[in-house]
Amino acid sequence: MKFISFLLYVLLLFTLSKQSYADYLHGCNDPEYLEYVEKRFAHLESRNRRLLNETWKDYQLSLSLNSNPYQVLNNLSRHIKYSAQFEPIELAELKIERAFEYADEMSTEQQIAGDVYDGFSSENHYVNIARAWIAYRQGDVEGAFHALHNSIKSVDSALLGAFGPDFDLVRQLYNDGYIDVVVAYINKTESFWTGKRPDALRSAWLNMIKAGCKIQFDSIDTIKAEQLGLTVIDVQKALGFD
């Protein structure tokens, strides 16, 4: 009986192994996966360049409508992280300075209202992400790491808690080989980005990192991790032995 159970165990392992790599037979190094992820990288860069223009238009519109200063600041802060990726560094730095000028110009009552709403965590997050991009573009790797981790320090934001922090720079850093910094960033998001979806994404990313996979750091990575055969399977439970 034990021998039969052992044979069933081996057979299931073999079957699950073949199933787990059904989409990408060579795992992380499968040419089809590598081609797919390169196309995704190009798409994500194109999307961010589009958002560079769209967020600038949102900011200008909020100015023309004489919107609440907090809304103007929020729109500019969202734009800054794209500016820091693609625009001349001097221009991005000027926009960061303008964001702080808006914050200084806000009345005490408006600042209190902002603190109650979000603690300015979203704005601080975007500004620090922008600073990290600028430092990285200038070759200041340690400065980039410092600003990146400051971007998720003491986060108290409903928005970031629901949708998660920025991963564009994380994707760049990972592709450039800064694995430890990326892992630390992923783990630190547990303090404010909670729930089944964030947990699934963190698990997928960490498993993909261990396997040496290219990663797009997007919600679809949970599906891709399974297609790459990285899903953890409880074989004992599948066999009914537990």
Protein backbone atom coordinates (compact mmCIF):
# COMPACT_ATOMS: atom_id res chain seq x y z
CA MET A 1 0.00 0.00 0.00
CA LYS A 2 2.82 2.38 0.85
CA PHE A 3 4.49 1.58 -2.47
CA ILE A 4 1.28 2.39 -4.37
CA SER A 5 0.92 5.65 -2.47
CA PHE A 6 4.49 6.51 -3.34
CA LEU A 7 3.85 5.84 -7.02
CA LEU A 8 0.74 8.03 -6.89
CA TYR A 9 2.79 10.76 -5.21
CA VAL A 10 5.46 10.64 -7.93
CA LEU A 11 2.82 10.55 -10.68
CA LEU A 12 1.04 13.60 -9.25
CA LEU A 13 4.29 15.53 -8.94
CA PHE A 14 5.10 14.77 -12.55
CA THR A 15 1.60 15.72 -13.70
CA LEU A 16 1.50 18.96 -11.72
CA SER A 17 4.97 19.85 -12.94
CA LYS A 18 3.92 19.46 -16.57
CA GLN A 19 0.70 21.37 -15.93
CA SER A 20 2.49 24.22 -14.17
CA TYR A 21 4.69 24.80 -17.20
CA ALA A 22 1.92 24.27 -19.74
CA ASP A 23 2.06 27.91 -20.86
CA TYR A 24 5.82 28.43 -20.73
CA LEU A 25 7.63 25.12 -21.13
CA HIS A 26 11.03 26.60 -20.23
CA GLY A 27 9.82 28.64 -17.27
CA CYS A 28 11.28 32.09 -16.76
CA ASN A 29 13.65 31.68 -19.69
CA ASP A 30 10.98 30.64 -22.14
CA PRO A 31 11.36 32.76 -25.32
CA GLU A 32 7.61 33.37 -25.43
CA TYR A 33 7.59 34.71 -21.88
CA LEU A 34 10.62 36.91 -22.52
CA GLU A 35 9.02 38.29 -25.66
CA TYR A 36 5.75 38.89 -23.80
CA VAL A 37 7.37 40.73 -20.90
CA GLU A 38 9.47 42.93 -23.21
CA LYS A 39 6.28 44.00 -24.96
CA ARG A 40 4.75 44.76 -21.57
CA PHE A 41 7.75 46.91 -20.62
CA ALA A 42 7.30 48.89 -23.82
CA HIS A 43 3.57 49.24 -23.15
CA LEU A 44 4.11 50.45 -19.58
CA GLU A 45 6.64 53.06 -20.69
CA SER A 46 4.24 54.25 -23.38
CA ARG A 47 1.46 54.44 -20.81
CA ASN A 48 3.59 56.54 -18.47
CA ARG A 49 4.54 58.94 -21.25
CA ARG A 50 0.84 59.34 -22.00
CA LEU A 51 0.13 59.93 -18.30
CA LEU A 52 2.88 62.57 -18.25
CA ASN A 53 0.75 64.65 -20.61
CA GLU A 54 -2.62 63.74 -19.10
CA THR A 55 -1.63 64.57 -15.52
CA TRP A 56 -0.17 67.90 -16.67
CA LYS A 57 -3.48 68.73 -18.34
CA ASP A 58 -5.33 67.78 -15.14
CA TYR A 59 -3.09 70.11 -13.16
CA GLN A 60 -3.57 72.99 -15.60
CA LEU A 61 -7.33 72.44 -15.60
CA SER A 62 -7.48 72.56 -11.81
CA LEU A 63 -5.60 75.87 -11.96
CA SER A 64 -7.93 77.36 -14.56
CA LEU A 65 -10.98 76.32 -12.55
CA ASN A 66 -9.50 77.85 -9.39
CA SER A 67 -9.91 74.49 -7.65
CA ASN A 68 -9.31 73.82 -3.98
CA PRO A 69 -5.56 74.26 -3.32
CA TYR A 70 -5.40 70.73 -1.96
CA GLN A 71 -6.73 69.38 -5.28
CA VAL A 72 -4.24 71.48 -7.23
CA LEU A 73 -1.42 70.14 -5.06
CA ASN A 74 -2.63 66.57 -5.51
CA ASN A 75 -2.80 66.92 -9.29
CA LEU A 76 0.68 68.43 -9.48
CA SER A 77 2.07 65.72 -7.17
CA ARG A 78 0.67 62.97 -9.39
CA HIS A 79 2.28 64.63 -12.41
CA ILE A 80 5.69 65.05 -10.79
CA LYS A 81 6.57 61.37 -10.75
CA TYR A 82 6.13 61.17 -14.53
CA SER A 83 8.01 64.41 -15.03
CA ALA A 84 10.95 63.00 -13.07
CA GLN A 85 11.08 59.97 -15.37
CA PHE A 86 11.02 61.68 -18.73
CA GLU A 87 11.49 65.46 -18.60
CA PRO A 88 14.71 67.42 -18.10
CA ILE A 89 15.79 67.12 -14.48
CA GLU A 90 15.85 70.89 -14.00
CA LEU A 91 12.19 71.10 -15.03
CA ALA A 92 11.17 68.23 -12.76
CA GLU A 93 12.97 69.87 -9.83
CA LEU A 94 11.15 73.15 -10.49
CA LYS A 95 7.83 71.31 -10.38
CA ILE A 96 8.77 69.73 -7.05
CA GLU A 97 9.59 73.18 -5.68
CA ARG A 98 6.21 74.44 -6.90
CA ALA A 99 4.47 71.62 -5.05
CA PHE A 100 6.09 72.72 -1.80
CA GLU A 101 5.12 76.32 -2.56
CA TYR A 102 1.49 75.23 -2.87
CA ALA A 103 1.74 73.43 0.45
CA ASP A 104 3.20 76.53 2.11
CA GLU A 105 0.51 78.75 0.58
CA MET A 106 -2.31 76.63 1.95
CA SER A 107 -3.96 78.07 5.02
CA THR A 108 -3.72 76.32 8.35
CA GLU A 109 -7.34 75.23 8.04
CA GLN A 110 -6.72 73.73 4.61
CA GLN A 111 -3.64 71.91 5.83
CA ILE A 112 -5.62 70.50 8.74
CA ALA A 113 -8.32 69.35 6.33
CA GLY A 114 -5.68 67.71 4.19
CA ASP A 115 -4.17 65.95 7.17
CA VAL A 116 -7.56 64.62 8.22
CA TYR A 117 -8.25 63.35 4.71
CA ASP A 118 -4.94 61.76 3.82
CA GLY A 119 -2.13 62.95 6.02
CA PHE A 120 -0.58 64.24 2.78
CA SER A 121 0.79 60.71 2.42
CA SER A 122 -0.09 60.46 -1.26
CA GLU A 123 1.61 63.77 -2.06
CA ASN A 124 4.69 62.82 -0.03
CA HIS A 125 4.79 59.46 -1.78
CA TYR A 126 4.73 61.01 -5.25
CA VAL A 127 7.33 63.64 -4.38
CA ASN A 128 9.73 61.06 -2.94
CA ILE A 129 9.23 58.79 -5.94
CA ALA A 130 10.10 61.76 -8.14
CA ARG A 131 13.19 62.50 -6.06
CA ALA A 132 14.22 58.85 -6.36
CA TRP A 133 13.89 58.97 -10.15
CA ILE A 134 15.93 62.16 -10.35
CA ALA A 135 18.68 60.75 -8.12
CA TYR A 136 18.79 57.54 -10.14
CA ARG A 137 18.97 59.41 -13.45
CA GLN A 138 21.88 61.42 -12.02
CA GLY A 139 23.75 58.28 -10.99
CA ASP A 140 23.13 58.75 -7.26
CA VAL A 141 22.04 55.18 -6.58
CA GLU A 142 22.12 55.43 -2.77
CA GLY A 143 20.12 58.67 -2.91
CA ALA A 144 17.56 56.92 -5.09
CA PHE A 145 17.27 54.03 -2.63
CA HIS A 146 16.85 56.45 0.28
CA ALA A 147 14.11 58.46 -1.45
CA LEU A 148 12.36 55.29 -2.60
CA HIS A 149 12.08 53.94 0.93
CA ASN A 150 11.08 57.36 2.27
CA SER A 151 8.16 57.24 -0.17
CA ILE A 152 6.52 54.46 1.86
CA LYS A 153 7.66 55.55 5.31
CA SER A 154 4.80 56.22 7.76
CA VAL A 155 2.15 55.97 5.05
CA ASP A 156 -1.37 56.84 6.18
CA SER A 157 -3.25 57.04 2.90
CA ALA A 158 -6.57 55.50 1.95
CA LEU A 159 -5.58 55.80 -1.70
CA LEU A 160 -2.23 54.03 -1.35
CA GLY A 161 -3.81 51.50 0.98
CA ALA A 162 -6.40 50.61 -1.65
CA PHE A 163 -4.38 50.74 -4.87
CA GLY A 164 -0.85 50.29 -3.64
CA PRO A 165 2.32 52.37 -4.03
CA ASP A 166 4.24 53.20 -7.19
CA PHE A 167 6.22 50.35 -8.77
CA ASP A 168 7.61 52.00 -11.91
CA LEU A 169 11.00 52.74 -10.39
CA VAL A 170 10.97 49.35 -8.65
CA ARG A 171 10.59 47.71 -12.07
CA GLN A 172 13.58 49.70 -13.38
CA LEU A 173 15.71 48.89 -10.34
CA TYR A 174 14.89 45.19 -10.56
CA ASN A 175 15.75 45.09 -14.25
CA ASP A 176 19.06 46.78 -13.41
CA GLY A 177 19.89 44.12 -10.81
CA TYR A 178 19.14 45.84 -7.48
CA ILE A 179 17.32 42.85 -6.06
CA ASP A 180 17.77 43.44 -2.30
CA VAL A 181 16.35 46.96 -2.51
CA VAL A 182 13.32 45.72 -4.43
CA VAL A 183 12.65 42.90 -1.95
CA ALA A 184 12.88 45.34 0.97
CA TYR A 185 10.43 47.71 -0.74
CA ILE A 186 7.96 44.90 -1.42
CA ASN A 187 8.10 43.71 2.18
CA LYS A 188 7.65 47.22 3.60
CA THR A 189 4.37 47.66 1.71
CA GLU A 190 2.80 45.13 4.10
CA SER A 191 2.47 47.89 6.70
CA PHE A 192 -0.20 49.82 4.76
CA TRP A 193 -1.17 47.86 1.62
CA THR A 194 -3.20 44.97 2.99
CA GLY A 195 -5.73 42.43 1.77
CA LYS A 196 -5.90 39.32 -0.40
CA ARG A 197 -4.87 41.06 -3.63
CA PRO A 198 -1.73 42.75 -2.22
CA ASP A 199 -0.77 39.53 -0.43
CA ALA A 200 -1.15 37.57 -3.68
CA LEU A 201 0.93 40.10 -5.60
CA ARG A 202 3.70 40.15 -3.01
CA SER A 203 3.79 36.36 -2.98
CA ALA A 204 3.94 36.20 -6.78
CA TRP A 205 6.70 38.82 -6.99
CA LEU A 206 8.85 37.23 -4.31
CA ASN A 207 8.49 33.80 -5.90
CA MET A 208 9.36 35.24 -9.31
CA ILE A 209 12.39 36.99 -7.85
CA LYS A 210 13.61 33.73 -6.29
CA ALA A 211 13.22 32.04 -9.67
CA GLY A 212 15.10 34.86 -11.44
CA CYS A 213 12.14 35.83 -13.64
CA LYS A 214 11.67 39.12 -15.42
CA ILE A 215 8.79 40.96 -13.74
CA GLN A 216 6.50 43.73 -14.89
CA PHE A 217 5.25 44.52 -11.34
CA ASP A 218 1.64 44.69 -12.43
CA SER A 219 -1.54 42.97 -11.24
CA ILE A 220 -1.30 40.36 -14.01
CA ASP A 221 1.85 38.95 -12.40
CA THR A 222 -0.28 36.68 -10.20
CA ILE A 223 -1.48 34.93 -13.36
CA LYS A 224 1.97 34.90 -14.92
CA ALA A 225 3.49 33.33 -11.79
CA GLU A 226 1.07 30.42 -12.14
CA GLN A 227 1.78 30.09 -15.85
CA LEU A 228 5.49 29.96 -15.04
CA GLY A 229 4.88 27.10 -12.62
CA LEU A 230 5.61 29.09 -9.48
CA THR A 231 2.37 28.40 -7.61
CA VAL A 232 2.91 26.55 -4.32
CA ILE A 233 0.93 23.31 -4.28
CA ASP A 234 0.19 21.24 -1.17
CA VAL A 235 0.84 17.76 -2.61
CA GLN A 236 -0.14 15.95 0.56
CA LYS A 237 -3.53 17.67 0.54
CA ALA A 238 -4.00 17.00 -3.16
CA LEU A 239 -3.40 13.31 -2.53
CA GLY A 240 -5.78 13.32 0.41
CA PHE A 241 -3.08 12.22 2.86
CA ASP A 242 -3.39 15.15 5.32
